[in-house]
Amino acid sequence: MPLLRQFGEAVDLHGIWLAVHRTYDAEADKLHDPLSKMIVSTNFYLKMPASTYDGRRFVVVIEPLLSPHAINARIYGTDYVVVVSPVNGTIRMSDVRHTYLHYLIEPLLYARANAVDRMQPI
C-alpha cells in the first residue's frame, strides 16, 4: 500500500480523476436507459420476474479508455461484471446481453444439475 499511495501522489491521480470524472458520468448517463431497456426486455422475453436482491449482482462498467472492440466479462463468485467501452455513445449491447443471459440462466442450471445429469445419455 505505501508504494501504491506514493505512486498515486506522484502522478496526481486525484487531480486526473477530477479532470475526467464528468466524462465518465456523461457516458454512463447516456448508456443507462439503453441498458435498462435491454435488461427489462430480456426479462420480459424470458418471462422472468423483476428480481429483488438475492445476493447476486450484474454490473456493467463503462471504461472509455478501453478498446471499443474488447468486451471484458468476468464472473467473481456470484457477481457478473462486464467492462465495455462506448463508441459514439453506444456499446455492443449483444455482448452485454450475452453475459446477462448467463447471469439469469446459470443459477437455474445449477439448481437442477441432477436433472441435467439424467439427460446425459440422450
N, C-alpha and C. Protein backbone atom coordinates (compact mmCIF):
# COMPACT_ATOMS: atom_id res chain seq x y z
N MET A 1 0.79 -1.20 0.00
CA MET A 1 0.00 0.00 0.00
C MET A 1 0.84 1.28 0.00
N PRO A 2 1.94 1.32 0.74
CA PRO A 2 2.72 2.57 0.72
C PRO A 2 3.23 2.92 -0.68
N LEU A 3 3.67 1.91 -1.44
CA LEU A 3 4.16 2.19 -2.80
C LEU A 3 3.02 2.68 -3.69
N LEU A 4 1.87 2.07 -3.55
CA LEU A 4 0.72 2.48 -4.34
C LEU A 4 0.30 3.90 -3.98
N ARG A 5 0.31 4.22 -2.71
CA ARG A 5 -0.03 5.56 -2.25
C ARG A 5 0.97 6.58 -2.80
N GLN A 6 2.26 6.24 -2.77
CA GLN A 6 3.29 7.14 -3.30
C GLN A 6 3.11 7.36 -4.80
N PHE A 7 2.78 6.29 -5.51
CA PHE A 7 2.55 6.40 -6.95
C PHE A 7 1.37 7.33 -7.23
N GLY A 8 0.27 7.13 -6.51
CA GLY A 8 -0.91 7.97 -6.70
C GLY A 8 -0.63 9.43 -6.46
N GLU A 9 0.16 9.71 -5.45
CA GLU A 9 0.51 11.10 -5.16
C GLU A 9 1.48 11.65 -6.21
N ALA A 10 2.40 10.82 -6.68
CA ALA A 10 3.40 11.28 -7.64
C ALA A 10 2.77 11.67 -8.98
N VAL A 11 1.77 10.92 -9.42
CA VAL A 11 1.14 11.22 -10.71
C VAL A 11 -0.14 12.03 -10.55
N ASP A 12 -0.49 12.37 -9.33
CA ASP A 12 -1.69 13.17 -9.03
C ASP A 12 -2.96 12.51 -9.57
N LEU A 13 -3.19 11.26 -9.15
CA LEU A 13 -4.38 10.53 -9.60
C LEU A 13 -5.67 11.25 -9.23
N HIS A 14 -5.70 11.85 -8.07
CA HIS A 14 -6.91 12.58 -7.67
C HIS A 14 -7.18 13.74 -8.63
N GLY A 15 -6.15 14.45 -9.02
CA GLY A 15 -6.31 15.56 -9.97
C GLY A 15 -6.77 15.07 -11.33
N ILE A 16 -6.22 13.94 -11.76
CA ILE A 16 -6.65 13.36 -13.05
C ILE A 16 -8.12 12.98 -12.97
N TRP A 17 -8.52 12.35 -11.86
CA TRP A 17 -9.92 11.94 -11.72
C TRP A 17 -10.84 13.16 -11.72
N LEU A 18 -10.44 14.22 -11.04
CA LEU A 18 -11.27 15.43 -11.03
C LEU A 18 -11.43 16.01 -12.43
N ALA A 19 -10.41 15.84 -13.26
CA ALA A 19 -10.47 16.37 -14.62
C ALA A 19 -11.35 15.53 -15.54
N VAL A 20 -11.45 14.24 -15.31
CA VAL A 20 -12.15 13.37 -16.27
C VAL A 20 -13.44 12.74 -15.75
N HIS A 21 -13.75 12.90 -14.48
CA HIS A 21 -14.93 12.19 -13.96
C HIS A 21 -16.22 12.63 -14.61
N ARG A 22 -16.30 13.87 -15.07
CA ARG A 22 -17.53 14.32 -15.75
C ARG A 22 -17.74 13.57 -17.07
N THR A 23 -16.65 13.25 -17.75
CA THR A 23 -16.74 12.47 -18.99
C THR A 23 -17.28 11.08 -18.70
N TYR A 24 -16.77 10.46 -17.65
CA TYR A 24 -17.25 9.13 -17.27
C TYR A 24 -18.73 9.19 -16.90
N ASP A 25 -19.11 10.20 -16.12
CA ASP A 25 -20.51 10.33 -15.72
C ASP A 25 -21.42 10.55 -16.93
N ALA A 26 -20.96 11.35 -17.88
CA ALA A 26 -21.76 11.62 -19.08
C ALA A 26 -21.96 10.35 -19.90
N GLU A 27 -20.90 9.55 -20.05
CA GLU A 27 -21.03 8.29 -20.79
C GLU A 27 -21.98 7.33 -20.08
N ALA A 28 -21.87 7.26 -18.77
CA ALA A 28 -22.76 6.38 -18.00
C ALA A 28 -24.21 6.84 -18.12
N ASP A 29 -24.44 8.14 -18.08
CA ASP A 29 -25.80 8.66 -18.22
C ASP A 29 -26.40 8.34 -19.58
N LYS A 30 -25.59 8.42 -20.64
CA LYS A 30 -26.08 8.11 -22.00
C LYS A 30 -26.47 6.65 -22.14
N LEU A 31 -25.76 5.78 -21.43
CA LEU A 31 -25.99 4.34 -21.60
C LEU A 31 -26.97 3.75 -20.59
N HIS A 32 -27.35 4.52 -19.60
CA HIS A 32 -28.23 3.99 -18.56
C HIS A 32 -29.57 3.50 -19.13
N ASP A 33 -30.24 4.34 -19.91
CA ASP A 33 -31.55 3.96 -20.44
C ASP A 33 -31.49 2.79 -21.41
N PRO A 34 -30.54 2.76 -22.38
CA PRO A 34 -30.48 1.58 -23.26
C PRO A 34 -30.18 0.28 -22.50
N LEU A 35 -29.30 0.35 -21.49
CA LEU A 35 -29.01 -0.85 -20.70
C LEU A 35 -30.23 -1.29 -19.91
N SER A 36 -30.93 -0.35 -19.31
CA SER A 36 -32.14 -0.69 -18.56
C SER A 36 -33.19 -1.31 -19.47
N LYS A 37 -33.33 -0.75 -20.67
CA LYS A 37 -34.31 -1.28 -21.63
C LYS A 37 -33.94 -2.71 -22.04
N MET A 38 -32.64 -2.97 -22.26
CA MET A 38 -32.20 -4.31 -22.63
C MET A 38 -32.51 -5.30 -21.51
N ILE A 39 -32.26 -4.92 -20.28
CA ILE A 39 -32.50 -5.82 -19.15
C ILE A 39 -34.00 -6.09 -19.00
N VAL A 40 -34.81 -5.06 -19.07
CA VAL A 40 -36.26 -5.24 -18.93
C VAL A 40 -36.81 -6.08 -20.08
N SER A 41 -36.38 -5.82 -21.31
CA SER A 41 -36.91 -6.58 -22.45
C SER A 41 -36.44 -8.04 -22.41
N THR A 42 -35.23 -8.29 -21.94
CA THR A 42 -34.75 -9.67 -21.81
C THR A 42 -35.54 -10.39 -20.74
N ASN A 43 -35.77 -9.75 -19.61
CA ASN A 43 -36.59 -10.36 -18.55
C ASN A 43 -37.99 -10.64 -19.05
N PHE A 44 -38.56 -9.70 -19.80
CA PHE A 44 -39.91 -9.86 -20.33
C PHE A 44 -39.95 -11.03 -21.31
N TYR A 45 -38.97 -11.12 -22.21
CA TYR A 45 -38.92 -12.20 -23.19
C TYR A 45 -38.83 -13.56 -22.50
N LEU A 46 -38.01 -13.66 -21.46
CA LEU A 46 -37.84 -14.92 -20.74
C LEU A 46 -38.91 -15.16 -19.68
N LYS A 47 -39.82 -14.20 -19.56
CA LYS A 47 -40.89 -14.26 -18.56
C LYS A 47 -40.32 -14.40 -17.15
N MET A 48 -39.24 -13.66 -16.91
CA MET A 48 -38.60 -13.64 -15.60
C MET A 48 -39.16 -12.46 -14.81
N PRO A 49 -39.47 -12.65 -13.56
CA PRO A 49 -39.97 -11.52 -12.77
C PRO A 49 -38.86 -10.50 -12.53
N ALA A 50 -39.27 -9.29 -12.26
CA ALA A 50 -38.29 -8.28 -11.87
C ALA A 50 -37.69 -8.74 -10.55
N SER A 51 -36.39 -8.96 -10.57
CA SER A 51 -35.79 -9.60 -9.41
C SER A 51 -35.58 -8.63 -8.26
N THR A 52 -35.60 -9.20 -7.09
CA THR A 52 -35.20 -8.46 -5.90
C THR A 52 -33.78 -8.90 -5.59
N TYR A 53 -33.13 -8.22 -4.69
CA TYR A 53 -31.74 -8.54 -4.40
C TYR A 53 -31.65 -9.91 -3.74
N ASP A 54 -30.91 -10.80 -4.37
CA ASP A 54 -30.76 -12.16 -3.85
C ASP A 54 -29.30 -12.50 -3.56
N GLY A 55 -28.49 -11.47 -3.36
CA GLY A 55 -27.08 -11.70 -3.06
C GLY A 55 -26.20 -11.77 -4.29
N ARG A 56 -26.78 -11.64 -5.48
CA ARG A 56 -26.01 -11.67 -6.73
C ARG A 56 -26.09 -10.30 -7.37
N ARG A 57 -25.08 -9.99 -8.20
CA ARG A 57 -25.07 -8.69 -8.89
C ARG A 57 -24.66 -8.86 -10.34
N PHE A 58 -25.29 -8.06 -11.19
CA PHE A 58 -24.89 -7.92 -12.59
C PHE A 58 -24.46 -6.46 -12.74
N VAL A 59 -23.18 -6.25 -13.07
CA VAL A 59 -22.62 -4.91 -13.11
C VAL A 59 -22.03 -4.64 -14.49
N VAL A 60 -22.36 -3.49 -15.05
CA VAL A 60 -21.76 -3.04 -16.31
C VAL A 60 -20.89 -1.84 -15.98
N VAL A 61 -19.60 -1.96 -16.28
CA VAL A 61 -18.64 -0.88 -16.01
C VAL A 61 -18.31 -0.22 -17.34
N ILE A 62 -18.46 1.10 -17.38
CA ILE A 62 -18.15 1.87 -18.58
C ILE A 62 -16.71 2.37 -18.43
N GLU A 63 -15.85 2.00 -19.37
CA GLU A 63 -14.45 2.43 -19.33
C GLU A 63 -14.07 2.98 -20.71
N PRO A 64 -14.15 4.30 -20.89
CA PRO A 64 -13.86 4.90 -22.19
C PRO A 64 -12.44 4.68 -22.69
N LEU A 65 -11.50 4.34 -21.83
CA LEU A 65 -10.12 4.15 -22.26
C LEU A 65 -9.84 2.75 -22.81
N LEU A 66 -10.80 1.85 -22.73
CA LEU A 66 -10.62 0.51 -23.30
C LEU A 66 -10.76 0.56 -24.82
N SER A 67 -10.25 -0.48 -25.45
CA SER A 67 -10.50 -0.63 -26.88
C SER A 67 -11.99 -0.90 -27.08
N PRO A 68 -12.63 -0.23 -28.02
CA PRO A 68 -14.06 -0.44 -28.22
C PRO A 68 -14.40 -1.85 -28.70
N HIS A 69 -13.41 -2.55 -29.21
CA HIS A 69 -13.67 -3.90 -29.71
C HIS A 69 -13.47 -4.96 -28.64
N ALA A 70 -12.99 -4.56 -27.47
CA ALA A 70 -12.73 -5.51 -26.39
C ALA A 70 -13.87 -5.46 -25.38
N ILE A 71 -14.53 -6.59 -25.20
CA ILE A 71 -15.54 -6.72 -24.16
C ILE A 71 -14.94 -7.65 -23.12
N ASN A 72 -14.92 -7.22 -21.89
CA ASN A 72 -14.31 -7.99 -20.83
C ASN A 72 -15.40 -8.40 -19.86
N ALA A 73 -15.73 -9.68 -19.83
CA ALA A 73 -16.77 -10.19 -18.93
C ALA A 73 -16.12 -11.17 -17.97
N ARG A 74 -16.44 -11.01 -16.70
CA ARG A 74 -15.87 -11.87 -15.67
C ARG A 74 -16.97 -12.26 -14.68
N ILE A 75 -16.78 -13.42 -14.09
CA ILE A 75 -17.67 -13.88 -13.03
C ILE A 75 -16.83 -14.07 -11.79
N TYR A 76 -17.17 -13.32 -10.76
CA TYR A 76 -16.48 -13.41 -9.48
C TYR A 76 -17.48 -13.91 -8.45
N GLY A 77 -17.45 -15.20 -8.19
CA GLY A 77 -18.43 -15.76 -7.26
C GLY A 77 -19.82 -15.63 -7.83
N THR A 78 -20.63 -14.81 -7.20
CA THR A 78 -22.00 -14.60 -7.69
C THR A 78 -22.16 -13.27 -8.42
N ASP A 79 -21.07 -12.54 -8.59
CA ASP A 79 -21.11 -11.25 -9.27
C ASP A 79 -20.68 -11.40 -10.73
N TYR A 80 -21.50 -10.89 -11.63
CA TYR A 80 -21.21 -10.91 -13.06
C TYR A 80 -20.87 -9.48 -13.45
N VAL A 81 -19.67 -9.30 -14.00
CA VAL A 81 -19.17 -7.96 -14.32
C VAL A 81 -18.80 -7.90 -15.80
N VAL A 82 -19.29 -6.87 -16.48
CA VAL A 82 -18.96 -6.63 -17.88
C VAL A 82 -18.33 -5.25 -17.96
N VAL A 83 -17.16 -5.17 -18.59
CA VAL A 83 -16.49 -3.88 -18.79
C VAL A 83 -16.52 -3.59 -20.28
N VAL A 84 -17.10 -2.45 -20.64
CA VAL A 84 -17.26 -2.08 -22.05
C VAL A 84 -16.77 -0.66 -22.27
N SER A 85 -16.46 -0.37 -23.53
CA SER A 85 -16.04 0.98 -23.91
C SER A 85 -17.01 1.50 -24.97
N PRO A 86 -17.63 2.64 -24.71
CA PRO A 86 -18.58 3.17 -25.68
C PRO A 86 -17.89 3.78 -26.90
N VAL A 87 -18.56 3.66 -28.04
CA VAL A 87 -18.13 4.32 -29.27
C VAL A 87 -19.30 5.18 -29.73
N ASN A 88 -19.07 6.46 -29.81
CA ASN A 88 -20.13 7.41 -30.20
C ASN A 88 -21.37 7.25 -29.34
N GLY A 89 -21.17 6.98 -28.06
CA GLY A 89 -22.28 6.90 -27.13
C GLY A 89 -23.03 5.59 -27.12
N THR A 90 -22.52 4.58 -27.84
CA THR A 90 -23.19 3.28 -27.86
C THR A 90 -22.19 2.17 -27.54
N ILE A 91 -22.71 1.05 -27.09
CA ILE A 91 -21.89 -0.13 -26.82
C ILE A 91 -22.49 -1.30 -27.57
N ARG A 92 -21.72 -2.37 -27.68
CA ARG A 92 -22.23 -3.58 -28.33
C ARG A 92 -23.14 -4.29 -27.34
N MET A 93 -24.42 -3.98 -27.44
CA MET A 93 -25.41 -4.47 -26.48
C MET A 93 -25.55 -5.98 -26.54
N SER A 94 -25.28 -6.60 -27.68
CA SER A 94 -25.42 -8.05 -27.78
C SER A 94 -24.43 -8.76 -26.86
N ASP A 95 -23.24 -8.20 -26.70
CA ASP A 95 -22.25 -8.81 -25.81
C ASP A 95 -22.67 -8.66 -24.34
N VAL A 96 -23.23 -7.53 -24.00
CA VAL A 96 -23.71 -7.32 -22.63
C VAL A 96 -24.90 -8.25 -22.37
N ARG A 97 -25.80 -8.37 -23.34
CA ARG A 97 -26.95 -9.26 -23.20
C ARG A 97 -26.50 -10.71 -23.03
N HIS A 98 -25.46 -11.10 -23.74
CA HIS A 98 -24.93 -12.46 -23.63
C HIS A 98 -24.53 -12.77 -22.19
N THR A 99 -23.80 -11.86 -21.57
CA THR A 99 -23.39 -12.06 -20.18
C THR A 99 -24.59 -11.99 -19.25
N TYR A 100 -25.55 -11.13 -19.56
CA TYR A 100 -26.76 -11.05 -18.73
C TYR A 100 -27.55 -12.36 -18.79
N LEU A 101 -27.58 -12.98 -19.95
CA LEU A 101 -28.26 -14.27 -20.06
C LEU A 101 -27.56 -15.33 -19.21
N HIS A 102 -26.23 -15.30 -19.19
CA HIS A 102 -25.51 -16.21 -18.28
C HIS A 102 -25.93 -15.94 -16.83
N TYR A 103 -26.02 -14.67 -16.48
CA TYR A 103 -26.41 -14.27 -15.13
C TYR A 103 -27.78 -14.83 -14.77
N LEU A 104 -28.71 -14.81 -15.72
CA LEU A 104 -30.06 -15.29 -15.46
C LEU A 104 -30.18 -16.81 -15.48
N ILE A 105 -29.51 -17.45 -16.44
CA ILE A 105 -29.75 -18.87 -16.70
C ILE A 105 -28.88 -19.80 -15.87
N GLU A 106 -27.64 -19.42 -15.60
CA GLU A 106 -26.74 -20.34 -14.89
C GLU A 106 -27.27 -20.78 -13.53
N PRO A 107 -27.85 -19.89 -12.71
CA PRO A 107 -28.40 -20.38 -11.44
C PRO A 107 -29.50 -21.43 -11.62
N LEU A 108 -30.29 -21.29 -12.69
CA LEU A 108 -31.33 -22.29 -12.96
C LEU A 108 -30.71 -23.64 -13.29
N LEU A 109 -29.62 -23.63 -14.06
CA LEU A 109 -28.95 -24.88 -14.41
C LEU A 109 -28.31 -25.53 -13.18
N TYR A 110 -27.66 -24.71 -12.36
CA TYR A 110 -27.01 -25.26 -11.17
C TYR A 110 -28.02 -25.81 -10.18
N ALA A 111 -29.19 -25.19 -10.11
CA ALA A 111 -30.22 -25.67 -9.19
C ALA A 111 -30.81 -26.99 -9.65
N ARG A 112 -30.70 -27.28 -10.94
CA ARG A 112 -31.26 -28.52 -11.49
C ARG A 112 -30.17 -29.40 -12.10
N ALA A 113 -29.01 -29.41 -11.50
CA ALA A 113 -27.88 -30.16 -12.04
C ALA A 113 -28.18 -31.65 -12.13
N ASN A 114 -28.89 -32.19 -11.15
CA ASN A 114 -29.22 -33.62 -11.19
C ASN A 114 -30.14 -33.95 -12.35
N ALA A 115 -31.08 -33.07 -12.64
CA ALA A 115 -31.99 -33.31 -13.76
C ALA A 115 -31.23 -33.27 -15.08
N VAL A 116 -30.25 -32.38 -15.18
CA VAL A 116 -29.44 -32.30 -16.40
C VAL A 116 -28.60 -33.56 -16.54
N ASP A 117 -28.03 -34.06 -15.44
CA ASP A 117 -27.23 -35.28 -15.47
C ASP A 117 -28.04 -36.47 -15.95
N ARG A 118 -29.30 -36.54 -15.60
CA ARG A 118 -30.15 -37.67 -16.05
C ARG A 118 -30.32 -37.65 -17.56
N MET A 119 -30.20 -36.47 -18.18
CA MET A 119 -30.38 -36.34 -19.62
C MET A 119 -29.12 -36.65 -20.41
N GLN A 120 -27.99 -36.87 -19.75
CA GLN A 120 -26.72 -37.10 -20.44
C GLN A 120 -26.78 -38.23 -21.46
N PRO A 121 -27.41 -39.37 -21.16
CA PRO A 121 -27.45 -40.43 -22.20
C PRO A 121 -28.14 -39.98 -23.49
N ILE A 122 -29.04 -39.04 -23.40
CA ILE A 122 -29.76 -38.59 -24.59
C ILE A 122 -28.84 -37.73 -25.40
